[in-house]
């Protein structure tokens, strides 16, 4: 298997041609395919660049392929694998430092394998014409409006660009550019097991280069090298800096009681547990049985003491008199903040997701609020940029409940909204988009 074939198979897994087929995420598909290959580290890296890039830039690639209307009609009738192959080839020619002869030769041969000689000849003709004409990137004059242009130029759904225009105003194009750049890699150190300095030293010994986060004391940003969960032993774990900010804003202290609602596989629960220093208590709520099982294993490996309640957190799962000093609700959301990290995310989401999920988020917030101690804090967080899931949910909650916004650490001043919530723009400095509101009971 070559790097280009691996990339083609990954794209096919993410966008399966059969309607009933189960699509994989790009990262899951890539990991699955790599395990079944014998490619060198260099070829694996090249395959990842091709697969993830072609998935992200899918709309722009289709625009290039549609420049000749007659050929575009023929392309639309091609077998799905051949059309994906053309997207990959155009991506390589436009966005990488390609050896053009090798690109043409390899993709024509792949077309023979995944189709037949006639299809290979068509692929050869399309790619040779592209190299001959070398079309420029999309320009504003070719589109009916600015949002259609930006969506095509930066390969995003038009509805998302329009939503971002309302949110980011003068920074819209900056965000569109940023979500196509490589996402920042970060880890959170389990300070029960070692200090952040010790983690830096251990990572440096493996060739990794890291720097401290300006926002989260136990987070390290990986500038160079590959870092995964430390041998699975819980010394550190991959977690985006934006995600780790939610716990930093919650700021749990040793000896306190903390409720983590919608814990998932447990990144934030581990982070909370380490901050509690094995003093106080941690209780997690997770609906998905498989995620809860993974959470239990990770808590044990990390030597974090915490209980787990399985169930739907929109319902009353705990006794009404059970209160906590701090409650974290990292609510399920549309995930528009992570379109830069997950290559396929922009194509799997719908403009109606925010409206649909806001109902669940409101119910979760209402239930979580019932367990906040009178002197306690509640942090609401989502990896979304959609106002229906962020400011509108919080304003709805504040209008109904005896809560007010609480203080945010000074380090977050550059990320604060006019209302005093943390809002991380997606892609900027490689970060995920995130919204975090700190809420406290009124006296």
Protein backbone atom coordinates (compact mmCIF):
# COMPACT_ATOMS: atom_id res chain seq x y z
CA UNK A 1 0.00 0.00 0.00
CA UNK A 2 1.28 3.47 -0.88
CA UNK A 3 0.70 6.68 1.07
CA UNK A 4 -1.75 7.89 -1.58
CA UNK A 5 -3.74 4.66 -1.47
CA UNK A 6 -3.93 4.86 2.32
CA UNK A 7 -5.23 8.43 2.05
CA UNK A 8 -7.82 7.32 -0.52
CA UNK A 9 -9.07 4.54 1.72
CA UNK A 10 -9.32 6.90 4.69
CA UNK A 11 -11.40 9.40 2.72
CA UNK A 12 -13.63 6.54 1.58
CA UNK A 13 -14.15 5.52 5.22
CA UNK A 14 -15.16 9.06 6.17
CA UNK A 15 -17.48 9.50 3.17
CA UNK A 16 -18.65 5.94 2.40
CA UNK A 17 -20.37 5.63 -0.98
CA UNK A 18 -23.09 3.35 0.37
CA UNK A 19 -25.90 5.29 2.03
CA UNK A 20 -26.32 2.68 4.76
CA UNK A 21 -22.59 2.38 5.53
CA UNK A 22 -21.26 3.61 8.86
CA UNK A 23 -18.88 6.52 8.43
CA UNK A 24 -15.75 6.68 10.57
CA UNK A 25 -14.18 9.85 11.88
CA UNK A 26 -11.05 10.89 10.00
CA UNK A 27 -8.75 10.11 12.93
CA UNK A 28 -10.36 6.74 13.63
CA UNK A 29 -10.22 5.80 9.94
CA UNK A 30 -6.59 6.84 9.68
CA UNK A 31 -5.56 4.88 12.79
CA UNK A 32 -7.42 1.81 11.50
CA UNK A 33 -5.79 1.96 8.07
CA UNK A 34 -2.28 2.68 9.36
CA UNK A 35 -2.38 -0.39 11.60
CA UNK A 36 -2.98 -2.48 8.49
CA UNK A 37 -0.15 -0.96 6.48
CA UNK A 38 3.62 -1.27 6.58
CA UNK A 39 4.39 2.29 5.56
CA UNK A 40 7.40 4.20 6.81
CA UNK A 41 6.95 7.04 9.30
CA UNK A 42 7.55 9.52 6.48
CA UNK A 43 4.88 7.94 4.26
CA UNK A 44 2.41 7.81 7.13
CA UNK A 45 2.92 11.54 7.71
CA UNK A 46 2.40 12.22 4.00
CA UNK A 47 -0.77 10.10 3.95
CA UNK A 48 -2.12 12.05 6.94
CA UNK A 49 -1.40 15.36 5.23
CA UNK A 50 -3.24 14.22 2.09
CA UNK A 51 -6.22 12.59 3.80
CA UNK A 52 -6.91 15.26 6.42
CA UNK A 53 -6.20 18.09 3.99
CA UNK A 54 -8.47 16.74 1.25
CA UNK A 55 -11.26 16.18 3.78
CA UNK A 56 -10.98 19.72 5.13
CA UNK A 57 -10.65 21.37 1.71
CA UNK A 58 -13.38 19.28 0.05
CA UNK A 59 -15.50 22.25 -1.05
CA UNK A 60 -12.57 24.14 -2.56
CA UNK A 61 -11.37 21.01 -4.37
CA UNK A 62 -14.81 20.52 -5.88
CA UNK A 63 -14.70 24.14 -7.03
CA UNK A 64 -11.43 23.48 -8.87
CA UNK A 65 -12.95 20.37 -10.45
CA UNK A 66 -16.04 22.33 -11.55
CA UNK A 67 -14.17 25.05 -13.49
CA UNK A 68 -14.81 23.23 -16.75
CA UNK A 69 -18.63 22.74 -16.74
CA UNK A 70 -18.55 20.00 -19.40
CA UNK A 71 -15.89 18.02 -17.56
CA UNK A 72 -17.64 18.64 -14.25
CA UNK A 73 -20.76 16.87 -15.51
CA UNK A 74 -18.61 13.88 -16.45
CA UNK A 75 -16.86 13.97 -13.08
CA UNK A 76 -20.18 13.84 -11.23
CA UNK A 77 -20.99 10.57 -12.98
CA UNK A 78 -17.70 8.96 -11.91
CA UNK A 79 -17.58 6.16 -9.32
CA UNK A 80 -17.17 7.64 -5.82
CA UNK A 81 -13.64 6.26 -5.38
CA UNK A 82 -12.44 7.95 -8.58
CA UNK A 83 -13.97 11.27 -7.62
CA UNK A 84 -12.29 11.05 -4.20
CA UNK A 85 -9.06 10.19 -5.99
CA UNK A 86 -9.35 13.36 -8.10
CA UNK A 87 -9.92 15.45 -4.97
CA UNK A 88 -6.78 13.99 -3.38
CA UNK A 89 -4.73 14.60 -6.52
CA UNK A 90 -5.89 18.23 -6.82
CA UNK A 91 -5.17 18.75 -3.13
CA UNK A 92 -1.64 17.44 -3.55
CA UNK A 93 -1.03 19.66 -6.58
CA UNK A 94 -2.45 22.82 -5.00
CA UNK A 95 -1.54 22.58 -1.33
CA UNK A 96 1.70 20.57 -1.11
CA UNK A 97 5.16 20.80 -2.60
CA UNK A 98 4.28 18.05 -5.02
CA UNK A 99 6.52 16.30 -7.50
CA UNK A 100 3.96 16.81 -10.25
CA UNK A 101 5.14 13.86 -12.37
CA UNK A 102 4.97 11.50 -9.38
CA UNK A 103 1.52 12.83 -8.42
CA UNK A 104 0.15 12.25 -11.89
CA UNK A 105 1.76 8.81 -12.28
CA UNK A 106 0.63 7.52 -8.87
CA UNK A 107 -2.97 8.69 -9.12
CA UNK A 108 -3.40 7.38 -12.67
CA UNK A 109 -2.16 3.98 -11.47
CA UNK A 110 -4.56 4.13 -8.53
CA UNK A 111 -7.39 4.87 -10.96
CA UNK A 112 -6.52 1.66 -12.83
CA UNK A 113 -6.66 -0.30 -9.57
CA UNK A 114 -9.87 1.25 -8.26
CA UNK A 115 -11.54 1.49 -11.68
CA UNK A 116 -10.32 0.51 -15.13
CA UNK A 117 -8.10 1.78 -17.95
CA UNK A 118 -10.78 4.09 -19.33
CA UNK A 119 -11.17 5.80 -15.94
CA UNK A 120 -7.40 6.03 -15.62
CA UNK A 121 -7.26 7.81 -18.97
CA UNK A 122 -9.93 10.26 -17.80
CA UNK A 123 -8.02 10.95 -14.56
CA UNK A 124 -4.88 11.50 -16.60
CA UNK A 125 -6.69 13.98 -18.86
CA UNK A 126 -8.23 15.92 -15.96
CA UNK A 127 -4.94 16.24 -14.09
CA UNK A 128 -2.92 17.16 -17.18
CA UNK A 129 -5.41 19.86 -18.05
CA UNK A 130 -5.24 21.17 -14.47
CA UNK A 131 -1.45 21.36 -14.67
CA UNK A 132 -1.62 23.01 -18.05
CA UNK A 133 -4.09 25.69 -17.00
CA UNK A 134 -2.98 26.06 -13.35
CA UNK A 135 -6.16 27.83 -12.21
CA UNK A 136 -5.85 30.46 -9.51
CA UNK A 137 -7.52 30.19 -6.11
CA UNK A 138 -11.12 31.44 -5.84
CA UNK A 139 -11.46 35.22 -5.99
CA UNK A 140 -14.29 37.43 -4.71
CA UNK A 141 -15.50 38.56 -8.14
CA UNK A 142 -16.61 35.05 -9.07
CA UNK A 143 -19.21 34.78 -6.29
CA UNK A 144 -22.62 36.25 -5.61
CA UNK A 145 -21.71 37.43 -2.12
CA UNK A 146 -18.85 37.62 0.33
CA UNK A 147 -19.97 34.64 2.43
CA UNK A 148 -20.17 32.31 -0.59
CA UNK A 149 -16.67 33.43 -1.55
CA UNK A 150 -15.18 32.87 1.91
CA UNK A 151 -16.94 29.51 2.27
CA UNK A 152 -15.55 28.32 -1.07
CA UNK A 153 -12.09 29.86 -0.63
CA UNK A 154 -11.61 28.30 2.82
CA UNK A 155 -13.78 25.22 2.31
CA UNK A 156 -16.51 25.74 4.88
CA UNK A 157 -20.32 25.43 4.88
CA UNK A 158 -21.87 28.77 3.93
CA UNK A 159 -24.22 28.66 6.93
CA UNK A 160 -21.24 28.47 9.29
CA UNK A 161 -19.47 31.41 7.64
CA UNK A 162 -22.68 33.45 7.94
CA UNK A 163 -23.00 32.52 11.60
CA UNK A 164 -19.38 33.46 12.25
CA UNK A 165 -19.86 36.82 10.50
CA UNK A 166 -22.38 37.76 13.22
CA UNK A 167 -19.97 36.64 15.97
CA UNK A 168 -16.49 37.62 14.79
CA UNK A 169 -17.24 40.63 12.58
CA UNK A 170 -13.85 42.04 11.51
CA UNK A 171 -12.02 38.80 12.38
CA UNK A 172 -14.13 36.57 10.14
CA UNK A 173 -11.51 35.85 7.48
CA UNK A 174 -8.83 35.43 10.14
CA UNK A 175 -10.92 32.67 11.73
CA UNK A 176 -11.62 31.05 8.34
CA UNK A 177 -7.90 30.91 7.63
CA UNK A 178 -7.05 29.67 11.12
CA UNK A 179 -9.37 26.65 11.15
CA UNK A 180 -7.47 25.26 8.15
CA UNK A 181 -4.10 25.51 9.90
CA UNK A 182 -2.78 22.64 12.05
CA UNK A 183 -4.53 22.41 15.41
CA UNK A 184 -2.45 22.98 18.51
CA UNK A 185 -1.38 19.83 20.38
CA UNK A 186 -1.47 19.99 24.17
CA UNK A 187 -1.33 17.69 27.17
CA UNK A 188 -2.48 18.05 30.76
CA UNK A 189 -0.09 16.82 33.43
CA UNK A 190 -1.34 14.70 36.31
CA UNK A 191 0.18 16.69 39.15
CA UNK A 192 -0.61 13.87 41.56
CA UNK A 193 2.16 11.90 39.86
CA UNK A 194 4.73 14.50 38.83
CA UNK A 195 5.25 18.23 38.53
CA UNK A 196 4.87 20.10 35.28
CA UNK A 197 8.65 20.68 35.31
CA UNK A 198 9.24 16.94 35.61
CA UNK A 199 6.83 16.24 32.78
CA UNK A 200 8.62 18.77 30.58
CA UNK A 201 11.95 17.11 31.32
CA UNK A 202 10.62 13.62 30.58
CA UNK A 203 9.12 14.78 27.31
CA UNK A 204 12.32 16.60 26.34
CA UNK A 205 14.24 13.35 26.80
CA UNK A 206 12.07 11.81 24.06
CA UNK A 207 12.74 14.71 21.68
CA UNK A 208 9.49 16.56 22.29
CA UNK A 209 9.59 20.33 22.70
CA UNK A 210 6.92 21.88 24.93
CA UNK A 211 6.00 25.23 26.44
CA UNK A 212 3.72 26.28 29.30
CA UNK A 213 0.16 27.35 28.70
CA UNK A 214 -0.56 30.97 29.64
CA UNK A 215 -4.02 29.95 30.82
CA UNK A 216 -3.79 26.52 32.48
CA UNK A 217 -1.03 25.81 35.00
CA UNK A 218 -0.91 22.04 34.37
CA UNK A 219 -1.13 22.23 30.55
CA UNK A 220 1.84 21.93 28.20
CA UNK A 221 1.70 22.95 24.55
CA UNK A 222 3.59 20.58 22.27
CA UNK A 223 5.68 22.60 19.82
CA UNK A 224 7.60 19.70 18.28
CA UNK A 225 7.47 15.91 18.45
CA UNK A 226 4.72 13.37 19.05
CA UNK A 227 3.17 13.00 22.49
CA UNK A 228 0.44 10.53 23.40
CA UNK A 229 -1.02 9.45 26.72
CA UNK A 230 2.01 8.47 28.79
CA UNK A 231 2.13 4.70 28.27
CA UNK A 232 -1.48 4.74 29.45
CA UNK A 233 -0.23 5.17 33.02
CA UNK A 234 -1.97 8.47 33.73
CA UNK A 235 1.05 10.74 34.13
CA UNK A 236 -0.41 13.00 31.46
CA UNK A 237 -3.01 12.82 28.72
CA UNK A 238 -3.79 14.64 25.45
CA UNK A 239 -6.29 17.43 26.03
CA UNK A 240 -6.73 20.67 24.16
CA UNK A 241 -5.76 23.85 25.95
CA UNK A 242 -9.27 25.28 25.43
CA UNK A 243 -10.86 22.20 27.01
CA UNK A 244 -8.51 22.44 30.00
CA UNK A 245 -9.50 26.08 30.50
CA UNK A 246 -12.93 25.00 31.76
CA UNK A 247 -11.39 23.33 34.83
CA UNK A 248 -8.98 26.24 35.34
CA UNK A 249 -11.97 28.63 35.43
CA UNK A 250 -13.80 26.24 37.80
CA UNK A 251 -10.63 26.34 39.96
CA UNK A 252 -11.37 23.42 42.33
CA UNK A 253 -9.39 23.43 45.58
CA UNK A 254 -8.13 20.59 47.77
CA UNK A 255 -10.78 19.55 50.28
CA UNK A 256 -13.77 20.67 48.19
CA UNK A 257 -16.60 18.59 46.77
CA UNK A 258 -16.94 18.69 42.97
CA UNK A 259 -19.61 17.39 40.58
CA UNK A 260 -18.55 16.78 36.96
CA UNK A 261 -21.65 16.49 34.74
CA UNK A 262 -21.34 14.81 31.32
CA UNK A 263 -17.86 13.53 32.13
CA UNK A 264 -17.34 11.59 28.90
CA UNK A 265 -14.08 9.66 28.90
CA UNK A 266 -12.79 11.81 31.68
CA UNK A 267 -10.20 14.39 30.66
CA UNK A 268 -11.72 17.09 32.84
CA UNK A 269 -12.51 14.64 35.66
CA UNK A 270 -8.83 13.65 35.79
CA UNK A 271 -7.82 17.30 35.77
CA UNK A 272 -10.25 18.07 38.62
CA UNK A 273 -9.09 15.05 40.61
CA UNK A 274 -5.45 16.09 40.35
CA UNK A 275 -6.32 19.58 41.59
CA UNK A 276 -8.20 18.11 44.57
CA UNK A 277 -4.95 16.41 45.72
CA UNK A 278 -6.89 13.34 47.00
CA UNK A 279 -8.70 15.59 49.48
CA UNK A 280 -12.40 16.35 49.22
CA UNK A 281 -14.57 14.40 46.77
CA UNK A 282 -15.28 14.05 43.06
CA UNK A 283 -18.49 12.66 41.58
CA UNK A 284 -18.93 12.16 37.82
CA UNK A 285 -22.13 11.72 35.83
CA UNK A 286 -21.98 10.01 32.44
CA UNK A 287 -24.82 8.59 30.38
CA UNK A 288 -22.86 6.44 27.90
CA UNK A 289 -21.91 3.09 29.47
CA UNK A 290 -18.78 2.64 27.33
CA UNK A 291 -17.51 6.11 28.15
CA UNK A 292 -18.24 5.51 31.84
CA UNK A 293 -16.21 2.29 31.73
CA UNK A 294 -13.29 4.11 30.10
CA UNK A 295 -13.62 6.88 32.69
CA UNK A 296 -13.42 4.35 35.57
CA UNK A 297 -10.27 2.79 34.09
CA UNK A 298 -8.58 6.15 33.57
CA UNK A 299 -9.41 7.35 37.10
CA UNK A 300 -7.83 4.20 38.51
CA UNK A 301 -4.69 4.48 36.35
CA UNK A 302 -4.25 8.13 37.27
CA UNK A 303 -4.79 7.37 40.98
CA UNK A 304 -7.68 9.81 41.09
CA UNK A 305 -10.43 8.98 43.57
CA UNK A 306 -13.90 9.60 42.19
CA UNK A 307 -17.35 8.09 42.00
CA UNK A 308 -19.40 7.59 38.84
CA UNK A 309 -23.16 7.80 38.42
CA UNK A 310 -24.54 6.40 35.16
CA UNK A 311 -27.61 8.09 33.79
CA UNK A 312 -29.21 10.97 31.95
CA UNK A 313 -28.16 14.20 33.65
CA UNK A 314 -31.26 16.01 32.38
CA UNK A 315 -33.13 13.97 34.98
CA UNK A 316 -32.91 14.03 38.80
CA UNK A 317 -30.17 11.45 39.45
CA UNK A 318 -28.97 12.74 42.83
CA UNK A 319 -30.82 13.49 46.08
CA UNK A 320 -32.01 17.11 46.05
CA UNK A 321 -30.14 17.83 49.29
CA UNK A 322 -26.78 16.73 47.82
CA UNK A 323 -24.79 19.89 47.15
CA UNK A 324 -21.26 20.54 45.88
CA UNK A 325 -18.79 23.38 46.26
CA UNK A 326 -18.19 23.38 42.51
CA UNK A 327 -20.10 21.94 39.58
CA UNK A 328 -18.78 21.61 36.03
CA UNK A 329 -21.16 21.08 33.11
CA UNK A 330 -19.30 20.46 29.86
CA UNK A 331 -22.48 20.02 27.86
CA UNK A 332 -22.95 18.05 24.64
CA UNK A 333 -22.97 20.55 21.79
CA UNK A 334 -22.77 21.03 18.04
CA UNK A 335 -18.96 21.16 18.18
CA UNK A 336 -18.57 24.07 15.76
CA UNK A 337 -15.55 25.12 17.80
CA UNK A 338 -13.56 22.04 16.77
CA UNK A 339 -13.94 22.15 12.98
CA UNK A 340 -10.22 22.92 12.82
CA UNK A 341 -9.22 19.85 14.84
CA UNK A 342 -11.58 17.27 13.33
CA UNK A 343 -11.20 17.39 9.53
CA UNK A 344 -14.66 16.02 8.72
CA UNK A 345 -16.56 17.98 11.38
CA UNK A 346 -17.51 20.89 9.11
CA UNK A 347 -19.27 18.51 6.71
CA UNK A 348 -21.08 16.43 9.34
CA UNK A 349 -22.85 19.30 11.09
CA UNK A 350 -26.12 21.03 10.28
CA UNK A 351 -27.21 24.62 10.73
CA UNK A 352 -30.07 23.40 12.95
CA UNK A 353 -27.81 21.56 15.45
CA UNK A 354 -27.47 24.54 17.78
CA UNK A 355 -31.21 25.05 18.12
CA UNK A 356 -31.81 21.34 18.73
CA UNK A 357 -29.05 20.91 21.30
CA UNK A 358 -29.86 24.10 23.21
CA UNK A 359 -32.94 22.41 24.66
CA UNK A 360 -30.79 19.64 26.16
CA UNK A 361 -28.23 22.14 27.42
CA UNK A 362 -30.90 24.15 29.23
CA UNK A 363 -32.26 21.00 30.90
CA UNK A 364 -28.76 19.93 31.96
CA UNK A 365 -28.00 23.38 33.35
CA UNK A 366 -31.22 23.45 35.36
CA UNK A 367 -30.50 20.07 36.93
CA UNK A 368 -26.84 20.89 37.63
CA UNK A 369 -27.80 24.17 39.33
CA UNK A 370 -29.90 22.30 41.92
CA UNK A 371 -26.73 20.76 43.35
CA UNK A 372 -24.65 23.91 43.70
CA UNK A 373 -23.94 24.84 47.32
CA UNK A 374 -25.25 28.30 48.33
CA UNK A 375 -21.66 29.52 48.38
CA UNK A 376 -20.61 27.41 45.39
CA UNK A 377 -19.84 27.90 41.70
CA UNK A 378 -21.19 26.42 38.48
CA UNK A 379 -19.18 26.45 35.24
CA UNK A 380 -21.01 25.92 31.95
CA UNK A 381 -18.79 25.05 28.96
CA UNK A 382 -19.30 24.02 25.33
CA UNK A 383 -16.92 23.59 22.39
CA UNK A 384 -19.32 25.59 20.25
CA UNK A 385 -19.40 29.07 18.74
CA UNK A 386 -23.17 29.04 18.17
CA UNK A 387 -24.92 31.79 20.21
CA UNK A 388 -27.93 29.49 20.65
CA UNK A 389 -25.71 27.17 22.72
CA UNK A 390 -23.57 29.78 24.45
CA UNK A 391 -24.83 33.25 25.42
CA UNK A 392 -28.51 32.49 24.79
CA UNK A 393 -28.44 29.42 27.06
CA UNK A 394 -26.73 31.36 29.85
CA UNK A 395 -28.97 34.41 29.55
CA UNK A 396 -32.04 32.15 29.61
CA UNK A 397 -30.70 30.47 32.75
CA UNK A 398 -29.86 33.72 34.54
CA UNK A 399 -33.35 35.06 33.81
CA UNK A 400 -34.90 32.03 35.55
CA UNK A 401 -32.53 31.16 38.39
CA UNK A 402 -31.04 33.03 41.36
CA UNK A 403 -27.55 33.07 39.82
CA UNK A 404 -25.19 35.71 38.52
CA UNK A 405 -21.92 35.68 36.63
CA UNK A 406 -18.88 35.00 38.81
CA UNK A 407 -15.30 36.29 38.56
CA UNK A 408 -12.95 34.91 35.90
CA UNK A 409 -9.16 34.68 36.54
CA UNK A 410 -7.22 37.68 35.27
CA UNK A 411 -5.25 35.53 32.82
CA UNK A 412 -8.38 35.29 30.64
CA UNK A 413 -8.89 39.02 30.14
CA UNK A 414 -7.95 38.87 26.44
CA UNK A 415 -10.63 36.17 25.86
CA UNK A 416 -13.52 37.79 27.75
CA UNK A 417 -16.77 38.85 26.10
CA UNK A 418 -18.54 42.08 26.98
CA UNK A 419 -20.62 40.06 29.49
CA UNK A 420 -17.56 38.61 31.17
CA UNK A 421 -17.60 35.06 29.75
CA UNK A 422 -14.59 33.28 28.24
CA UNK A 423 -14.90 32.88 24.46
CA UNK A 424 -12.01 31.27 22.57
CA UNK A 425 -12.16 31.88 18.79
CA UNK A 426 -11.68 28.66 16.80
CA UNK A 427 -8.34 28.16 15.08
CA UNK A 428 -6.63 31.28 16.40
CA UNK A 429 -3.21 30.25 17.77
CA UNK A 430 -4.25 26.67 16.98
CA UNK A 431 -6.88 26.58 19.73
CA UNK A 432 -10.32 25.00 19.66
CA UNK A 433 -13.31 27.31 19.86
CA UNK A 434 -14.76 27.22 23.37
CA UNK A 435 -17.28 29.11 25.49
CA UNK A 436 -17.04 29.10 29.29
CA UNK A 437 -19.36 30.90 31.74
CA UNK A 438 -18.82 30.95 35.50
CA UNK A 439 -22.05 31.27 37.49
CA UNK A 440 -22.63 31.74 41.22
CA UNK A 441 -25.67 31.95 43.47
CA UNK A 442 -26.74 35.42 44.43
CA UNK A 443 -26.27 36.14 48.10
